[in-house]
Protein backbone atom coordinates (compact mmCIF):
# COMPACT_ATOMS: atom_id res chain seq x y z
CA UNK A 1 0.91 13.35 -6.24
CA UNK A 2 -2.08 12.13 -3.71
CA UNK A 3 -2.29 12.73 0.17
CA UNK A 4 -4.68 11.02 2.40
CA UNK A 5 -4.75 11.90 6.19
CA UNK A 6 -5.42 8.66 7.78
CA UNK A 7 -6.57 8.05 11.67
CA UNK A 8 -3.93 8.39 14.27
CA UNK A 9 -1.60 11.07 12.78
CA UNK A 10 -0.85 8.99 9.52
CA UNK A 11 -0.41 10.64 6.48
CA UNK A 12 -0.50 8.47 3.24
CA UNK A 13 0.61 9.77 -0.18
CA UNK A 14 0.48 8.18 -3.59
CA UNK A 15 3.96 9.64 -5.03
CA UNK A 16 3.12 8.91 -8.81
CA UNK A 17 6.45 9.75 -9.96
CA UNK A 18 8.37 7.16 -7.78
CA UNK A 19 5.65 4.50 -8.16
CA UNK A 20 5.25 4.23 -4.32
CA UNK A 21 3.14 5.09 -1.27
CA UNK A 22 4.82 6.72 1.46
CA UNK A 23 3.32 6.50 5.13
CA UNK A 24 4.06 9.37 7.52
CA UNK A 25 3.30 9.47 11.27
CA UNK A 26 4.04 12.72 13.24
CA UNK A 27 6.19 14.10 10.18
CA UNK A 28 8.34 11.02 10.14
CA UNK A 29 8.75 8.70 7.13
CA UNK A 30 8.01 5.23 8.60
CA UNK A 31 6.83 2.91 5.70
CA UNK A 32 6.88 2.70 1.75
CA UNK A 33 5.14 0.52 -0.47
CA UNK A 34 6.44 0.47 -4.12
CA UNK A 35 4.36 -0.54 -7.06
CA UNK A 36 4.28 -0.92 -10.79
CA UNK A 37 1.25 0.31 -12.76
CA UNK A 38 0.55 -0.67 -16.29
CA UNK A 39 -2.85 0.66 -16.80
CA UNK A 40 -4.73 -2.32 -15.70
CA UNK A 41 -3.29 -3.82 -12.99
CA UNK A 42 -1.13 -2.40 -9.99
CA UNK A 43 1.74 -4.75 -8.77
CA UNK A 44 2.54 -4.28 -5.23
CA UNK A 45 6.13 -5.15 -5.23
CA UNK A 46 7.63 -4.26 -2.11
CA UNK A 47 6.54 -2.94 1.50
CA UNK A 48 9.34 -1.87 3.49
CA UNK A 49 9.25 0.09 7.27
CA UNK A 50 12.20 1.89 7.90
CA UNK A 51 14.41 -0.03 10.98
CA UNK A 52 13.75 1.97 13.78
CA UNK A 53 10.08 1.94 13.31
CA UNK A 54 9.64 -1.68 12.56
CA UNK A 55 7.49 -3.82 14.98
CA UNK A 56 4.44 -1.24 14.88
CA UNK A 57 2.47 -2.76 12.18
CA UNK A 58 3.29 0.44 9.80
CA UNK A 59 3.54 -2.03 6.68
CA UNK A 60 -0.09 -3.12 7.42
CA UNK A 61 -1.43 0.55 7.51
CA UNK A 62 0.42 1.36 4.14
CA UNK A 63 -0.65 -1.59 2.58
CA UNK A 64 -4.14 -0.92 3.81
CA UNK A 65 -4.09 2.81 2.84
CA UNK A 66 -2.95 1.66 -0.56
CA UNK A 67 -5.58 -0.82 -1.19
CA UNK A 68 -8.43 1.82 -0.21
CA UNK A 69 -6.91 4.21 -2.39
CA UNK A 70 -7.10 1.58 -5.55
CA UNK A 71 -10.23 0.75 -4.33
CA UNK A 72 -11.43 4.24 -4.83
CA UNK A 73 -10.14 4.53 -8.09
CA UNK A 74 -12.02 1.29 -9.02
CA UNK A 75 -10.34 0.62 -12.61
CA UNK A 76 -7.53 -1.95 -11.32
CA UNK A 77 -6.59 -5.08 -10.32
CA UNK A 78 -3.78 -5.96 -7.76
CA UNK A 79 -1.08 -8.25 -8.23
CA UNK A 80 0.51 -9.12 -4.89
CA UNK A 81 3.98 -9.66 -5.83
CA UNK A 82 5.71 -8.83 -2.16
CA UNK A 83 5.26 -11.42 0.14
CA UNK A 84 3.84 -9.02 2.69
CA UNK A 85 1.06 -7.71 0.38
CA UNK A 86 0.26 -11.76 -0.38
CA UNK A 87 0.06 -12.17 3.54
CA UNK A 88 -1.98 -9.10 4.13
CA UNK A 89 -4.46 -10.57 1.34
CA UNK A 90 -4.78 -13.53 3.02
CA UNK A 91 -5.74 -11.97 6.09
CA UNK A 92 -8.31 -10.11 4.41
CA UNK A 93 -10.04 -12.55 2.36
CA UNK A 94 -13.06 -9.54 1.79
CA UNK A 95 -10.58 -8.03 -0.67
CA UNK A 96 -9.64 -11.06 -2.43
CA UNK A 97 -11.80 -9.81 -5.69
CA UNK A 98 -9.21 -7.06 -6.23
CA UNK A 99 -6.54 -9.77 -7.09
CA UNK A 100 -5.37 -10.43 -10.52
CA UNK A 101 -6.07 -13.94 -11.65
CA UNK A 102 -2.93 -15.46 -12.78
């Protein structure tokens, strides 16, 4: 498990055993990003925000944190399986080089 502290009280954790990134704010779980890692590509499969915390951009924060973590590793491409992740990449074309070419 790898944990990173982000700005504004966010805590991003890569829970490798559960194949997910979790985002906590002020001790509360606010968003989750599930993935599958085959050793070459990380498929980001589902972004989810806890219903009571929706509408605050937390899914974007968890995706951005996961992408930053994957960039720091430097050894994986990303497959944007989840529609939200695909939309995030469309809004951030500077990261398009990370996407696996199908």
